[in-house]
Amino acid sequence: MTALTIRLPNSVHQKIKELAARDDVSVNQFIASAASEKMASVMTLDYLKSEAGRGIRSDFEHYLNLVPDVPAQIGDKLS
């Protein structure tokens, strides 16, 4: 495990302490979890961008054209 020193505004540090206490975890656990969630989010976006870049527009349009042109069901229509 690696130790890391970070500088936080006092207000952010205080809010982290409050939220960690509310979740019954340590400040370290709270910050590690928050960093892991952010990392997963960024990695997911990278993956989706990579997959989108591999897509073929003509294939997308082919399958989109297979969708029947029917009115929206009750409750599915935008207002």
Protein backbone atom coordinates (compact mmCIF):
# COMPACT_ATOMS: atom_id res chain seq x y z
CA MET A 1 0.00 0.00 0.00
CA THR A 2 1.20 3.53 -0.72
CA ALA A 3 0.90 6.59 1.50
CA LEU A 4 -0.16 9.78 -0.23
CA THR A 5 -0.22 13.31 1.15
CA ILE A 6 -2.79 15.64 -0.39
CA ARG A 7 -3.80 19.20 0.35
CA LEU A 8 -7.50 19.87 0.72
CA PRO A 9 -9.40 23.00 1.57
CA ASN A 10 -10.57 22.86 5.19
CA SER A 11 -14.21 22.82 4.09
CA VAL A 12 -13.67 19.78 1.86
CA HIS A 13 -11.74 17.95 4.59
CA GLN A 14 -14.49 18.64 7.11
CA LYS A 15 -17.21 17.42 4.75
CA ILE A 16 -15.22 14.25 3.99
CA LYS A 17 -14.88 13.57 7.73
CA GLU A 18 -18.65 14.04 8.18
CA LEU A 19 -19.54 11.78 5.26
CA ALA A 20 -17.05 9.10 6.30
CA ALA A 21 -18.49 9.11 9.82
CA ARG A 22 -22.01 8.87 8.40
CA ASP A 23 -20.95 5.82 6.36
CA ASP A 24 -19.10 4.40 9.38
CA VAL A 25 -15.77 4.21 7.51
CA SER A 26 -12.42 5.90 8.02
CA VAL A 27 -11.45 9.01 6.09
CA ASN A 28 -8.82 6.89 4.31
CA GLN A 29 -11.43 4.33 3.28
CA PHE A 30 -13.78 7.08 2.13
CA ILE A 31 -11.12 8.75 -0.03
CA ALA A 32 -9.87 5.42 -1.43
CA SER A 33 -13.43 4.51 -2.39
CA ALA A 34 -14.03 7.93 -3.98
CA ALA A 35 -10.79 7.64 -5.98
CA SER A 36 -11.71 4.13 -7.11
CA GLU A 37 -15.16 5.29 -8.24
CA LYS A 38 -13.63 8.16 -10.23
CA MET A 39 -11.06 5.82 -11.77
CA ALA A 40 -13.79 3.37 -12.82
CA SER A 41 -15.79 6.22 -14.36
CA VAL A 42 -12.85 7.49 -16.41
CA MET A 43 -11.91 3.97 -17.52
CA THR A 44 -15.51 3.28 -18.56
CA LEU A 45 -15.60 6.45 -20.66
CA ASP A 46 -12.29 5.48 -22.28
CA TYR A 47 -13.68 2.03 -23.08
CA LEU A 48 -16.92 3.39 -24.53
CA LYS A 49 -15.05 5.92 -26.68
CA SER A 50 -12.78 3.16 -27.94
CA GLU A 51 -15.74 0.93 -28.79
CA ALA A 52 -17.60 3.80 -30.47
CA GLY A 53 -14.54 4.51 -32.59
CA ARG A 54 -14.61 0.94 -33.86
CA GLY A 55 -18.24 1.23 -34.98
CA ILE A 56 -19.26 1.31 -38.63
CA ARG A 57 -21.84 3.97 -39.42
CA SER A 58 -23.41 1.98 -42.27
CA ASP A 59 -23.99 -0.99 -39.93
CA PHE A 60 -25.63 1.32 -37.39
CA GLU A 61 -27.90 2.85 -40.02
CA HIS A 62 -28.80 -0.60 -41.38
CA TYR A 63 -30.05 -1.80 -37.99
CA LEU A 64 -31.68 1.52 -37.20
CA ASN A 65 -33.69 1.22 -40.43
CA LEU A 66 -35.00 -2.15 -39.21
CA VAL A 67 -36.81 -0.49 -36.31
CA PRO A 68 -40.51 -0.21 -37.21
CA ASP A 69 -41.93 3.28 -37.66
CA VAL A 70 -44.86 3.14 -35.23
CA PRO A 71 -46.35 5.70 -32.84
CA ALA A 72 -44.94 5.78 -29.34
CA GLN A 73 -46.76 3.77 -26.69
CA ILE A 74 -48.75 5.60 -24.06
CA GLY A 75 -46.33 7.03 -21.51
CA ASP A 76 -43.32 6.83 -23.84
CA LYS A 77 -44.04 10.00 -25.80
CA LEU A 78 -42.03 13.14 -25.07
CA SER A 79 -44.12 16.07 -24.00
